[in-house]
Amino acid sequence: MSNSITDKNKQVNYLKERLQIFVEVLDAIDPETADLEDIDRLIKIIDDVEEKMDQFHNRNEFTKE
């Protein structure tokens, strides 16, 4: 199991990297030949980013107390 990212700068960098991956995948998709699998892959990346944002938020809220 990987270590939790608790440093806010590392959290932001992680999210930026994941969003950069999203942009790269999006740019690589040809709109004329895109299929459902391509769209599902993009949705999965966004879902993963959203989940990680929630985890970071909850972790940061917990550490404030």
PDB file of N, CA and C in Angstrom:
ATOM      1  N   MET A   1       0.850  -1.172   0.000  1.00  0.00           N
ATOM      2  CA  MET A   1       0.000   0.000   0.000  1.00  0.00           C
ATOM      3  C   MET A   1       0.892   1.230   0.000  1.00  0.00           C
ATOM      4  N   SER A   2       0.543   2.261  -0.789  1.00  0.00           N
ATOM      5  CA  SER A   2       1.368   3.453  -0.884  1.00  0.00           C
ATOM      6  C   SER A   2       1.124   4.386   0.296  1.00  0.00           C
ATOM      7  N   ASN A   3       2.083   5.251   0.517  1.00  0.00           N
ATOM      8  CA  ASN A   3       1.962   6.224   1.588  1.00  0.00           C
ATOM      9  C   ASN A   3       0.925   7.277   1.228  1.00  0.00           C
ATOM     10  N   SER A   4       0.230   7.784   2.236  1.00  0.00           N
ATOM     11  CA  SER A   4      -0.752   8.834   2.018  1.00  0.00           C
ATOM     12  C   SER A   4      -0.039  10.140   1.717  1.00  0.00           C
ATOM     13  N   ILE A   5      -0.615  10.909   0.813  1.00  0.00           N
ATOM     14  CA  ILE A   5      -0.068  12.230   0.508  1.00  0.00           C
ATOM     15  C   ILE A   5      -0.749  13.215   1.441  1.00  0.00           C
ATOM     16  N   THR A   6       0.013  13.779   2.365  1.00  0.00           N
ATOM     17  CA  THR A   6      -0.570  14.711   3.335  1.00  0.00           C
ATOM     18  C   THR A   6      -0.115  16.143   3.096  1.00  0.00           C
ATOM     19  N   ASP A   7       0.983  16.333   2.402  1.00  0.00           N
ATOM     20  CA  ASP A   7       1.469  17.678   2.097  1.00  0.00           C
ATOM     21  C   ASP A   7       0.582  18.302   1.010  1.00  0.00           C
ATOM     22  N   LYS A   8       0.068  19.497   1.272  1.00  0.00           N
ATOM     23  CA  LYS A   8      -0.863  20.126   0.329  1.00  0.00           C
ATOM     24  C   LYS A   8      -0.236  20.385  -1.033  1.00  0.00           C
ATOM     25  N   ASN A   9       1.036  20.771  -1.066  1.00  0.00           N
ATOM     26  CA  ASN A   9       1.704  20.995  -2.352  1.00  0.00           C
ATOM     27  C   ASN A   9       1.804  19.699  -3.146  1.00  0.00           C
ATOM     28  N   LYS A  10       2.100  18.595  -2.482  1.00  0.00           N
ATOM     29  CA  LYS A  10       2.164  17.300  -3.157  1.00  0.00           C
ATOM     30  C   LYS A  10       0.779  16.880  -3.643  1.00  0.00           C
ATOM     31  N   GLN A  11      -0.243  17.207  -2.868  1.00  0.00           N
ATOM     32  CA  GLN A  11      -1.607  16.882  -3.278  1.00  0.00           C
ATOM     33  C   GLN A  11      -1.967  17.636  -4.555  1.00  0.00           C
ATOM     34  N   VAL A  12      -1.664  18.916  -4.582  1.00  0.00           N
ATOM     35  CA  VAL A  12      -1.965  19.730  -5.765  1.00  0.00           C
ATOM     36  C   VAL A  12      -1.177  19.222  -6.963  1.00  0.00           C
ATOM     37  N   ASN A  13       0.092  18.904  -6.760  1.00  0.00           N
ATOM     38  CA  ASN A  13       0.911  18.380  -7.857  1.00  0.00           C
ATOM     39  C   ASN A  13       0.361  17.058  -8.370  1.00  0.00           C
ATOM     40  N   TYR A  14      -0.094  16.195  -7.465  1.00  0.00           N
ATOM     41  CA  TYR A  14      -0.686  14.920  -7.875  1.00  0.00           C
ATOM     42  C   TYR A  14      -1.908  15.172  -8.766  1.00  0.00           C
ATOM     43  N   LEU A  15      -2.771  16.083  -8.331  1.00  0.00           N
ATOM     44  CA  LEU A  15      -3.978  16.377  -9.106  1.00  0.00           C
ATOM     45  C   LEU A  15      -3.629  16.992 -10.457  1.00  0.00           C
ATOM     46  N   LYS A  16      -2.651  17.871 -10.483  1.00  0.00           N
ATOM     47  CA  LYS A  16      -2.214  18.468 -11.753  1.00  0.00           C
ATOM     48  C   LYS A  16      -1.703  17.390 -12.712  1.00  0.00           C
ATOM     49  N   GLU A  17      -0.934  16.449 -12.187  1.00  0.00           N
ATOM     50  CA  GLU A  17      -0.416  15.363 -13.021  1.00  0.00           C
ATOM     51  C   GLU A  17      -1.544  14.514 -13.582  1.00  0.00           C
ATOM     52  N   ARG A  18      -2.511  14.205 -12.750  1.00  0.00           N
ATOM     53  CA  ARG A  18      -3.651  13.394 -13.220  1.00  0.00           C
ATOM     54  C   ARG A  18      -4.454  14.151 -14.285  1.00  0.00           C
ATOM     55  N   LEU A  19      -4.635  15.447 -14.079  1.00  0.00           N
ATOM     56  CA  LEU A  19      -5.367  16.241 -15.072  1.00  0.00           C
ATOM     57  C   LEU A  19      -4.572  16.366 -16.367  1.00  0.00           C
ATOM     58  N   GLN A  20      -3.252  16.419 -16.271  1.00  0.00           N
ATOM     59  CA  GLN A  20      -2.418  16.450 -17.470  1.00  0.00           C
ATOM     60  C   GLN A  20      -2.582  15.142 -18.251  1.00  0.00           C
ATOM     61  N   ILE A  21      -2.661  14.038 -17.552  1.00  0.00           N
ATOM     62  CA  ILE A  21      -2.906  12.754 -18.209  1.00  0.00           C
ATOM     63  C   ILE A  21      -4.249  12.797 -18.940  1.00  0.00           C
ATOM     64  N   PHE A  22      -5.266  13.364 -18.285  1.00  0.00           N
ATOM     65  CA  PHE A  22      -6.584  13.502 -18.908  1.00  0.00           C
ATOM     66  C   PHE A  22      -6.477  14.289 -20.216  1.00  0.00           C
ATOM     67  N   VAL A  23      -5.774  15.413 -20.169  1.00  0.00           N
ATOM     68  CA  VAL A  23      -5.628  16.256 -21.363  1.00  0.00           C
ATOM     69  C   VAL A  23      -4.899  15.492 -22.468  1.00  0.00           C
ATOM     70  N   GLU A  24      -3.870  14.745 -22.108  1.00  0.00           N
ATOM     71  CA  GLU A  24      -3.131  13.978 -23.101  1.00  0.00           C
ATOM     72  C   GLU A  24      -4.006  12.908 -23.744  1.00  0.00           C
ATOM     73  N   VAL A  25      -4.793  12.221 -22.935  1.00  0.00           N
ATOM     74  CA  VAL A  25      -5.700  11.199 -23.485  1.00  0.00           C
ATOM     75  C   VAL A  25      -6.745  11.863 -24.373  1.00  0.00           C
ATOM     76  N   LEU A  26      -7.278  12.989 -23.917  1.00  0.00           N
ATOM     77  CA  LEU A  26      -8.280  13.710 -24.694  1.00  0.00           C
ATOM     78  C   LEU A  26      -7.712  14.160 -26.039  1.00  0.00           C
ATOM     79  N   ASP A  27      -6.504  14.693 -26.025  1.00  0.00           N
ATOM     80  CA  ASP A  27      -5.870  15.135 -27.269  1.00  0.00           C
ATOM     81  C   ASP A  27      -5.596  13.979 -28.227  1.00  0.00           C
ATOM     82  N   ALA A  28      -5.361  12.799 -27.687  1.00  0.00           N
ATOM     83  CA  ALA A  28      -5.034  11.642 -28.521  1.00  0.00           C
ATOM     84  C   ALA A  28      -6.268  11.015 -29.174  1.00  0.00           C
ATOM     85  N   ILE A  29      -7.433  11.371 -28.704  1.00  0.00           N
ATOM     86  CA  ILE A  29      -8.656  10.774 -29.242  1.00  0.00           C
ATOM     87  C   ILE A  29      -9.068  11.496 -30.523  1.00  0.00           C
ATOM     88  N   ASP A  30      -9.305  10.716 -31.535  1.00  0.00           N
ATOM     89  CA  ASP A  30      -9.805  11.251 -32.799  1.00  0.00           C
ATOM     90  C   ASP A  30     -11.333  11.296 -32.716  1.00  0.00           C
ATOM     91  N   PRO A  31     -11.914  12.494 -32.782  1.00  0.00           N
ATOM     92  CA  PRO A  31     -13.373  12.608 -32.651  1.00  0.00           C
ATOM     93  C   PRO A  31     -14.157  11.787 -33.681  1.00  0.00           C
ATOM     94  N   GLU A  32     -13.546  11.569 -34.820  1.00  0.00           N
ATOM     95  CA  GLU A  32     -14.221  10.815 -35.883  1.00  0.00           C
ATOM     96  C   GLU A  32     -14.290   9.321 -35.584  1.00  0.00           C
ATOM     97  N   THR A  33     -13.340   8.823 -34.792  1.00  0.00           N
ATOM     98  CA  THR A  33     -13.291   7.380 -34.543  1.00  0.00           C
ATOM     99  C   THR A  33     -13.461   7.023 -33.068  1.00  0.00           C
ATOM    100  N   ALA A  34     -13.696   8.026 -32.219  1.00  0.00           N
ATOM    101  CA  ALA A  34     -13.850   7.765 -30.782  1.00  0.00           C
ATOM    102  C   ALA A  34     -15.031   6.822 -30.552  1.00  0.00           C
ATOM    103  N   ASP A  35     -14.841   5.915 -29.607  1.00  0.00           N
ATOM    104  CA  ASP A  35     -15.924   5.010 -29.267  1.00  0.00           C
ATOM    105  C   ASP A  35     -16.235   5.121 -27.776  1.00  0.00           C
ATOM    106  N   LEU A  36     -17.162   4.332 -27.344  1.00  0.00           N
ATOM    107  CA  LEU A  36     -17.606   4.369 -25.956  1.00  0.00           C
ATOM    108  C   LEU A  36     -16.469   4.063 -24.980  1.00  0.00           C
ATOM    109  N   GLU A  37     -15.583   3.180 -25.361  1.00  0.00           N
ATOM    110  CA  GLU A  37     -14.437   2.832 -24.505  1.00  0.00           C
ATOM    111  C   GLU A  37     -13.544   4.061 -24.262  1.00  0.00           C
ATOM    112  N   ASP A  38     -13.355   4.871 -25.284  1.00  0.00           N
ATOM    113  CA  ASP A  38     -12.557   6.093 -25.128  1.00  0.00           C
ATOM    114  C   ASP A  38     -13.220   7.058 -24.146  1.00  0.00           C
ATOM    115  N   ILE A  39     -14.509   7.221 -24.290  1.00  0.00           N
ATOM    116  CA  ILE A  39     -15.261   8.119 -23.400  1.00  0.00           C
ATOM    117  C   ILE A  39     -15.241   7.572 -21.973  1.00  0.00           C
ATOM    118  N   ASP A  40     -15.413   6.281 -21.833  1.00  0.00           N
ATOM    119  CA  ASP A  40     -15.365   5.660 -20.502  1.00  0.00           C
ATOM    120  C   ASP A  40     -14.009   5.866 -19.833  1.00  0.00           C
ATOM    121  N   ARG A  41     -12.941   5.798 -20.621  1.00  0.00           N
ATOM    122  CA  ARG A  41     -11.588   6.006 -20.089  1.00  0.00           C
ATOM    123  C   ARG A  41     -11.454   7.442 -19.548  1.00  0.00           C
ATOM    124  N   LEU A  42     -11.981   8.409 -20.275  1.00  0.00           N
ATOM    125  CA  LEU A  42     -11.938   9.802 -19.821  1.00  0.00           C
ATOM    126  C   LEU A  42     -12.758  10.002 -18.540  1.00  0.00           C
ATOM    127  N   ILE A  43     -13.919   9.405 -18.514  1.00  0.00           N
ATOM    128  CA  ILE A  43     -14.782   9.519 -17.328  1.00  0.00           C
ATOM    129  C   ILE A  43     -14.097   8.886 -16.120  1.00  0.00           C
ATOM    130  N   LYS A  44     -13.429   7.770 -16.313  1.00  0.00           N
ATOM    131  CA  LYS A  44     -12.710   7.098 -15.221  1.00  0.00           C
ATOM    132  C   LYS A  44     -11.612   7.998 -14.653  1.00  0.00           C
ATOM    133  N   ILE A  45     -10.874   8.667 -15.524  1.00  0.00           N
ATOM    134  CA  ILE A  45      -9.818   9.567 -15.060  1.00  0.00           C
ATOM    135  C   ILE A  45     -10.419  10.695 -14.224  1.00  0.00           C
ATOM    136  N   ILE A  46     -11.497  11.287 -14.695  1.00  0.00           N
ATOM    137  CA  ILE A  46     -12.143  12.381 -13.950  1.00  0.00           C
ATOM    138  C   ILE A  46     -12.706  11.861 -12.630  1.00  0.00           C
ATOM    139  N   ASP A  47     -13.317  10.687 -12.649  1.00  0.00           N
ATOM    140  CA  ASP A  47     -13.833  10.098 -11.402  1.00  0.00           C
ATOM    141  C   ASP A  47     -12.705   9.864 -10.397  1.00  0.00           C
ATOM    142  N   ASP A  48     -11.562   9.381 -10.884  1.00  0.00           N
ATOM    143  CA  ASP A  48     -10.413   9.150 -10.008  1.00  0.00           C
ATOM    144  C   ASP A  48      -9.909  10.460  -9.406  1.00  0.00           C
ATOM    145  N   VAL A  49      -9.852  11.505 -10.215  1.00  0.00           N
ATOM    146  CA  VAL A  49      -9.409  12.816  -9.719  1.00  0.00           C
ATOM    147  C   VAL A  49     -10.386  13.336  -8.673  1.00  0.00           C
ATOM    148  N   GLU A  50     -11.667  13.207  -8.952  1.00  0.00           N
ATOM    149  CA  GLU A  50     -12.678  13.669  -7.994  1.00  0.00           C
ATOM    150  C   GLU A  50     -12.573  12.899  -6.672  1.00  0.00           C
ATOM    151  N   GLU A  51     -12.398  11.599  -6.757  1.00  0.00           N
ATOM    152  CA  GLU A  51     -12.269  10.778  -5.548  1.00  0.00           C
ATOM    153  C   GLU A  51     -11.037  11.195  -4.742  1.00  0.00           C
ATOM    154  N   LYS A  52      -9.930  11.424  -5.437  1.00  0.00           N
ATOM    155  CA  LYS A  52      -8.698  11.822  -4.755  1.00  0.00           C
ATOM    156  C   LYS A  52      -8.862  13.212  -4.131  1.00  0.00           C
ATOM    157  N   MET A  53      -9.543  14.107  -4.809  1.00  0.00           N
ATOM    158  CA  MET A  53      -9.795  15.437  -4.238  1.00  0.00           C
ATOM    159  C   MET A  53     -10.593  15.320  -2.943  1.00  0.00           C
ATOM    160  N   ASP A  54     -11.602  14.471  -2.959  1.00  0.00           N
ATOM    161  CA  ASP A  54     -12.399  14.249  -1.746  1.00  0.00           C
ATOM    162  C   ASP A  54     -11.536  13.671  -0.621  1.00  0.00           C
ATOM    163  N   GLN A  55     -10.679  12.718  -0.962  1.00  0.00           N
ATOM    164  CA  GLN A  55      -9.791  12.134   0.039  1.00  0.00           C
ATOM    165  C   GLN A  55      -8.863  13.196   0.619  1.00  0.00           C
ATOM    166  N   PHE A  56      -8.287  14.015  -0.236  1.00  0.00           N
ATOM    167  CA  PHE A  56      -7.392  15.069   0.232  1.00  0.00           C
ATOM    168  C   PHE A  56      -8.141  16.058   1.116  1.00  0.00           C
ATOM    169  N   HIS A  57      -9.333  16.418   0.687  1.00  0.00           N
ATOM    170  CA  HIS A  57     -10.126  17.370   1.461  1.00  0.00           C
ATOM    171  C   HIS A  57     -10.443  16.811   2.844  1.00  0.00           C
ATOM    172  N   ASN A  58     -10.906  15.574   2.878  1.00  0.00           N
ATOM    173  CA  ASN A  58     -11.240  14.946   4.155  1.00  0.00           C
ATOM    174  C   ASN A  58     -10.012  14.794   5.036  1.00  0.00           C
ATOM    175  N   ARG A  59      -8.901  14.424   4.442  1.00  0.00           N
ATOM    176  CA  ARG A  59      -7.655  14.259   5.186  1.00  0.00           C
ATOM    177  C   ARG A  59      -7.215  15.605   5.771  1.00  0.00           C
ATOM    178  N   ASN A  60      -7.340  16.663   4.983  1.00  0.00           N
ATOM    179  CA  ASN A  60      -6.947  17.993   5.455  1.00  0.00           C
ATOM    180  C   ASN A  60      -7.892  18.511   6.520  1.00  0.00           C
ATOM    181  N   GLU A  61      -9.167  18.213   6.392  1.00  0.00           N
ATOM    182  CA  GLU A  61     -10.131  18.612   7.429  1.00  0.00           C
ATOM    183  C   GLU A  61      -9.833  17.902   8.730  1.00  0.00           C
ATOM    184  N   PHE A  62      -9.484  16.643   8.625  1.00  0.00           N
ATOM    185  CA  PHE A  62      -9.195  15.844   9.810  1.00  0.00           C
ATOM    186  C   PHE A  62      -7.952  16.363  10.525  1.00  0.00           C
ATOM    187  N   THR A  63      -6.950  16.777   9.774  1.00  0.00           N
ATOM    188  CA  THR A  63      -5.697  17.228  10.381  1.00  0.00           C
ATOM    189  C   THR A  63      -5.806  18.629  10.961  1.00  0.00           C
ATOM    190  N   LYS A  64      -6.854  19.375  10.635  1.00  0.00           N
ATOM    191  CA  LYS A  64      -7.034  20.718  11.191  1.00  0.00           C
ATOM    192  C   LYS A  64      -7.467  20.679  12.648  1.00  0.00           C
ATOM    193  N   GLU A  65      -8.110  19.599  13.007  1.00  0.00           N
ATOM    194  CA  GLU A  65      -8.656  19.512  14.371  1.00  0.00           C
ATOM    195  C   GLU A  65      -7.590  19.268  15.399  1.00  0.00           C
TER     196      GLU A  65
END
